Protein backbone atom coordinates (compact mmCIF):
# COMPACT_ATOMS: atom_id res chain seq x y z
CA UNK A 1 -39.46 -28.51 -19.14
CA UNK A 2 -36.63 -31.18 -19.84
CA UNK A 3 -33.29 -29.08 -19.69
CA UNK A 4 -34.51 -26.58 -17.15
CA UNK A 5 -31.07 -24.41 -16.33
CA UNK A 6 -28.73 -26.94 -17.67
CA UNK A 7 -25.63 -25.22 -19.14
CA UNK A 8 -25.57 -26.33 -22.40
CA UNK A 9 -22.46 -25.52 -24.90
CA UNK A 10 -23.97 -25.96 -28.74
CA UNK A 11 -21.18 -25.72 -31.58
CA UNK A 12 -22.22 -24.07 -34.85
CA UNK A 13 -25.15 -23.24 -33.35
CA UNK A 14 -25.83 -20.32 -35.48
CA UNK A 15 -27.27 -21.99 -39.10
CA UNK A 16 -28.83 -25.46 -39.92
CA UNK A 17 -29.03 -28.22 -37.21
CA UNK A 18 -27.08 -26.45 -34.50
CA UNK A 19 -29.63 -23.62 -34.88
CA UNK A 20 -32.84 -25.79 -34.44
CA UNK A 21 -30.86 -27.36 -31.73
CA UNK A 22 -30.30 -24.33 -30.00
CA UNK A 23 -34.22 -23.11 -29.80
CA UNK A 24 -35.09 -26.06 -28.97
CA UNK A 25 -32.94 -26.43 -26.13
CA UNK A 26 -34.00 -22.94 -25.35
CA UNK A 27 -37.65 -24.06 -25.40
CA UNK A 28 -37.33 -27.05 -23.21
CA UNK A 29 -35.65 -24.56 -20.12
CA UNK A 30 -31.75 -24.78 -20.81
CA UNK A 31 -29.04 -21.86 -20.44
CA UNK A 32 -27.87 -21.76 -24.56
CA UNK A 33 -24.19 -20.88 -25.04
CA UNK A 34 -23.98 -20.30 -28.53
CA UNK A 35 -20.87 -20.69 -30.33
CA UNK A 36 -19.84 -19.93 -34.40
CA UNK A 37 -17.85 -18.72 -36.34
CA UNK A 38 -19.07 -15.54 -37.62
CA UNK A 39 -19.90 -12.57 -34.65
CA UNK A 40 -22.96 -10.89 -36.38
CA UNK A 41 -24.67 -14.47 -36.20
CA UNK A 42 -23.86 -15.83 -33.11
CA UNK A 43 -25.31 -12.18 -31.83
CA UNK A 44 -28.62 -12.44 -33.75
CA UNK A 45 -28.93 -16.16 -32.33
CA UNK A 46 -28.65 -14.91 -28.78
CA UNK A 47 -30.64 -12.36 -29.02
CA UNK A 48 -33.45 -14.69 -30.70
CA UNK A 49 -33.06 -16.72 -28.00
CA UNK A 50 -33.38 -14.14 -25.56
CA UNK A 51 -36.82 -12.56 -27.04
CA UNK A 52 -38.13 -15.95 -26.24
CA UNK A 53 -37.49 -15.04 -22.70
CA UNK A 54 -34.48 -17.82 -22.58
CA UNK A 55 -31.29 -17.75 -20.73
CA UNK A 56 -28.49 -17.37 -23.59
CA UNK A 57 -24.77 -16.10 -24.31
CA UNK A 58 -22.20 -16.41 -27.24
CA UNK A 59 -19.12 -16.53 -28.26
CA UNK A 60 -17.15 -16.32 -31.53
CA UNK A 61 -15.41 -20.32 -31.07
CA UNK A 62 -13.68 -21.90 -33.42
CA UNK A 63 -13.16 -25.54 -32.85
CA UNK A 64 -9.98 -25.93 -34.37
CA UNK A 65 -8.74 -23.68 -32.25
CA UNK A 66 -8.00 -24.90 -28.34
CA UNK A 67 -6.98 -22.02 -26.62
CA UNK A 68 -10.97 -20.41 -27.69
CA UNK A 69 -12.18 -23.12 -26.61
CA UNK A 70 -10.60 -23.36 -23.34
CA UNK A 71 -11.14 -19.89 -22.92
CA UNK A 72 -14.92 -20.19 -23.65
CA UNK A 73 -14.97 -22.86 -21.02
CA UNK A 74 -13.32 -21.00 -18.28
CA UNK A 75 -15.67 -18.13 -18.66
CA UNK A 76 -18.66 -20.48 -18.62
CA UNK A 77 -17.42 -21.66 -15.66
CA UNK A 78 -16.97 -18.61 -13.93
CA UNK A 79 -20.11 -17.43 -14.69
CA UNK A 80 -22.19 -20.37 -14.39
CA UNK A 81 -20.20 -22.75 -11.90
CA UNK A 82 -20.97 -25.59 -14.27
CA UNK A 83 -21.54 -27.04 -17.85
CA UNK A 84 -24.22 -29.81 -18.11
CA UNK A 85 -24.49 -30.28 -21.76
CA UNK A 86 -22.09 -30.17 -24.91
CA UNK A 87 -23.55 -30.55 -28.04
CA UNK A 88 -20.62 -31.56 -30.56
CA UNK A 89 -22.57 -30.09 -33.48
CA UNK A 90 -19.78 -27.91 -35.86
CA UNK A 91 -18.92 -29.80 -39.35
CA UNK A 92 -17.92 -29.07 -42.42
CA UNK A 93 -17.81 -30.61 -46.24
CA UNK A 94 -15.12 -30.17 -49.02
CA UNK A 95 -16.16 -33.37 -51.27
CA UNK A 96 -13.95 -34.86 -53.91
CA UNK A 97 -13.53 -38.55 -55.22
CA UNK A 98 -10.43 -39.89 -53.95
CA UNK A 99 -8.45 -39.36 -56.86
CA UNK A 100 -9.22 -35.96 -56.86
CA UNK A 101 -8.47 -34.82 -53.49
CA UNK A 102 -6.11 -32.66 -52.19
CA UNK A 103 -4.67 -32.74 -48.64
CA UNK A 104 -6.00 -29.72 -47.78
CA UNK A 105 -9.48 -30.84 -48.24
CA UNK A 106 -8.75 -34.11 -46.47
CA UNK A 107 -7.23 -32.27 -43.64
CA UNK A 108 -8.95 -29.47 -43.32
CA UNK A 109 -12.45 -31.68 -42.60
CA UNK A 110 -10.40 -33.76 -40.37
CA UNK A 111 -8.91 -30.94 -38.68
CA UNK A 112 -13.27 -29.21 -37.85
CA UNK A 113 -15.24 -32.09 -37.63
CA UNK A 114 -12.88 -34.86 -36.40
CA UNK A 115 -10.14 -32.80 -33.72
CA UNK A 116 -13.22 -30.02 -33.12
CA UNK A 117 -14.94 -32.73 -32.02
CA UNK A 118 -11.89 -34.21 -29.78
CA UNK A 119 -11.00 -30.49 -28.69
CA UNK A 120 -14.35 -29.48 -26.98
CA UNK A 121 -15.15 -32.75 -25.73
CA UNK A 122 -11.61 -32.70 -23.74
CA UNK A 123 -12.01 -28.94 -23.26
CA UNK A 124 -15.01 -30.03 -20.73
CA UNK A 125 -14.90 -33.15 -19.90
CA UNK A 126 -13.00 -32.77 -16.49
CA UNK A 127 -15.71 -30.18 -15.57
CA UNK A 128 -18.46 -33.03 -16.00
CA UNK A 129 -16.42 -35.06 -14.05
CA UNK A 130 -15.81 -32.80 -11.11
CA UNK A 131 -19.48 -32.19 -11.22
CA UNK A 132 -20.15 -35.81 -11.16
CA UNK A 133 -22.32 -35.77 -14.30
CA UNK A 134 -22.95 -34.24 -17.93
CA UNK A 135 -23.73 -35.18 -20.93
CA UNK A 136 -21.64 -35.11 -24.29
CA UNK A 137 -23.57 -35.50 -27.75
CA UNK A 138 -21.55 -35.86 -30.98
CA UNK A 139 -22.95 -35.27 -34.32
CA UNK A 140 -21.77 -37.90 -36.41
CA UNK A 141 -24.07 -38.73 -40.33
CA UNK A 142 -25.30 -41.52 -41.70
CA UNK A 143 -22.09 -41.66 -43.89
CA UNK A 144 -20.33 -42.34 -40.88
CA UNK A 145 -22.28 -45.67 -40.79
CA UNK A 146 -22.35 -46.43 -44.35
CA UNK A 147 -19.73 -44.28 -46.44
CA UNK A 148 -20.45 -42.29 -49.42
CA UNK A 149 -19.76 -41.64 -52.46
CA UNK A 150 -17.16 -38.70 -53.13
CA UNK A 151 -16.71 -38.15 -49.35
CA UNK A 152 -13.73 -40.05 -48.20
CA UNK A 153 -12.67 -37.10 -45.66
CA UNK A 154 -15.87 -37.05 -44.37
CA UNK A 155 -16.78 -40.17 -43.88
CA UNK A 156 -13.42 -40.78 -42.14
CA UNK A 157 -13.92 -37.70 -39.78
CA UNK A 158 -17.42 -39.33 -39.31
CA UNK A 159 -17.16 -42.60 -38.33
CA UNK A 160 -14.08 -41.62 -36.33
CA UNK A 161 -17.03 -39.86 -34.19
CA UNK A 162 -18.42 -42.83 -33.68
CA UNK A 163 -15.43 -44.16 -32.38
CA UNK A 164 -15.08 -41.40 -30.05
CA UNK A 165 -18.82 -42.16 -28.92
CA UNK A 166 -18.06 -45.48 -28.07
CA UNK A 167 -14.97 -45.33 -26.14
CA UNK A 168 -15.95 -41.43 -24.14
CA UNK A 169 -19.21 -43.65 -23.17
CA UNK A 170 -16.89 -46.27 -21.71
CA UNK A 171 -14.11 -43.39 -20.14
CA UNK A 172 -16.68 -41.27 -18.83
CA UNK A 173 -19.92 -43.17 -17.78
CA UNK A 174 -18.60 -44.37 -14.42
CA UNK A 175 -17.94 -40.86 -13.37
CA UNK A 176 -21.40 -40.09 -14.57
CA UNK A 177 -20.99 -38.60 -18.16
CA UNK A 178 -23.08 -40.01 -20.75
CA UNK A 179 -21.64 -40.06 -24.49
CA UNK A 180 -24.03 -40.52 -27.19
CA UNK A 181 -23.89 -39.92 -31.17
CA UNK A 182 -26.51 -38.97 -33.43
CA UNK A 183 -26.21 -39.79 -37.56
CA UNK A 184 -28.90 -37.69 -39.23
CA UNK A 185 -29.58 -38.26 -43.19
CA UNK A 186 -31.00 -35.99 -45.76
CA UNK A 187 -31.54 -33.04 -43.81
CA UNK A 188 -33.18 -29.99 -45.63
CA UNK A 189 -30.63 -26.91 -44.69
CA UNK A 190 -28.86 -24.37 -46.17
CA UNK A 191 -26.14 -26.84 -47.28
CA UNK A 192 -28.91 -28.22 -50.10
CA UNK A 193 -30.23 -24.72 -51.49
CA UNK A 194 -27.29 -24.92 -53.92
CA UNK A 195 -28.45 -28.81 -55.50
CA UNK A 196 -30.23 -28.96 -58.58
CA UNK A 197 -34.41 -30.38 -57.94
CA UNK A 198 -33.40 -33.64 -59.68
CA UNK A 199 -30.92 -34.46 -56.95
CA UNK A 200 -32.96 -33.29 -54.35
CA UNK A 201 -36.08 -35.73 -55.45
CA UNK A 202 -33.31 -38.35 -55.82
CA UNK A 203 -32.21 -38.02 -52.13
CA UNK A 204 -36.02 -37.50 -51.42
CA UNK A 205 -37.08 -41.64 -53.16
CA UNK A 206 -33.80 -42.89 -51.08
CA UNK A 207 -35.96 -42.38 -48.30
CA UNK A 208 -39.10 -44.90 -46.78
CA UNK A 209 -40.79 -41.55 -45.63
CA UNK A 210 -40.59 -39.74 -49.46
CA UNK A 211 -39.06 -36.47 -48.29
CA UNK A 212 -35.95 -35.02 -46.44
CA UNK A 213 -35.48 -34.33 -42.58
CA UNK A 214 -36.24 -31.08 -40.62
CA UNK A 215 -33.48 -29.69 -38.72
CA UNK A 216 -36.03 -29.74 -35.67
CA UNK A 217 -36.65 -33.72 -36.14
CA UNK A 218 -32.56 -34.15 -35.90
CA UNK A 219 -32.83 -31.25 -32.40
CA UNK A 220 -35.73 -33.26 -30.82
CA UNK A 221 -33.09 -36.47 -30.51
CA UNK A 222 -30.52 -34.15 -29.02
CA UNK A 223 -33.06 -32.52 -26.53
CA UNK A 224 -34.45 -36.24 -25.36
CA UNK A 225 -30.72 -37.24 -25.04
CA UNK A 226 -29.48 -34.34 -23.05
CA UNK A 227 -32.21 -34.81 -20.80
CA UNK A 228 -32.50 -37.21 -17.93
CA UNK A 229 -35.10 -39.04 -19.32
CA UNK A 230 -32.44 -40.63 -21.61
CA UNK A 231 -30.01 -41.43 -18.12
CA UNK A 232 -29.76 -44.83 -19.34
CA UNK A 233 -28.83 -44.41 -22.62
CA UNK A 234 -24.94 -44.10 -22.99
CA UNK A 235 -22.61 -44.82 -26.12
CA UNK A 236 -25.74 -45.24 -28.50
CA UNK A 237 -25.24 -44.18 -31.79
CA UNK A 238 -28.92 -43.08 -33.24
CA UNK A 239 -29.81 -43.02 -36.53
CA UNK A 240 -32.24 -39.67 -37.53
CA UNK A 241 -32.57 -40.79 -41.23
CA UNK A 242 -36.53 -41.53 -42.16
CA UNK A 243 -35.12 -44.95 -42.41
CA UNK A 244 -33.31 -44.55 -45.77
CA UNK A 245 -30.78 -47.56 -44.54
CA UNK A 246 -33.37 -49.51 -44.67
């Protein structure tokens, strides 16, 4: 198993891509640290992973609350003595065209997607540096590569995450800590449940593979990047979109 006994903190891991990543990491032997906002969902995910004979623990954690993050990191260091992987998966969307977007919409998305990523990475960085190794994986998006109508705030946050990734790979690489970003395209999660069938079909038509991606297909990339098989991959930005930008 590629992640045997690695302590992996995954934010937003009770749903969607985060949940798929938690399951994949557990299958690869990791000790999975489930972090999300709703206690019942965190507990449910931890229990599911434990039924699979995986090491798992869970925390209610808001990535915009630095005191909560620091508390989780301190507890993990006490329990396990190390943190090997951070997956900065937590994120939100609050879409509107530029002329309609409110300050509250803009600030909230930047706070969660961008500042939250910064908060978590900074919280674990010293531990990883002291260990002499570690992996930070950041969730960007194809929107962070190409922009998208009605997503000024989301695009800014995901462009920013790519900037973080490039910068941290330079700053931390010499300390043995790798940092990479993953840019999913149209992925079939519950976020799409409310979309009309016509819109979903249009999304699929934009993808050369003519289908939406599965959360597990993104999780597979995270698992590879977290493993020693990716030991010379640092500062990369990997698109997982079925070729929609071709």
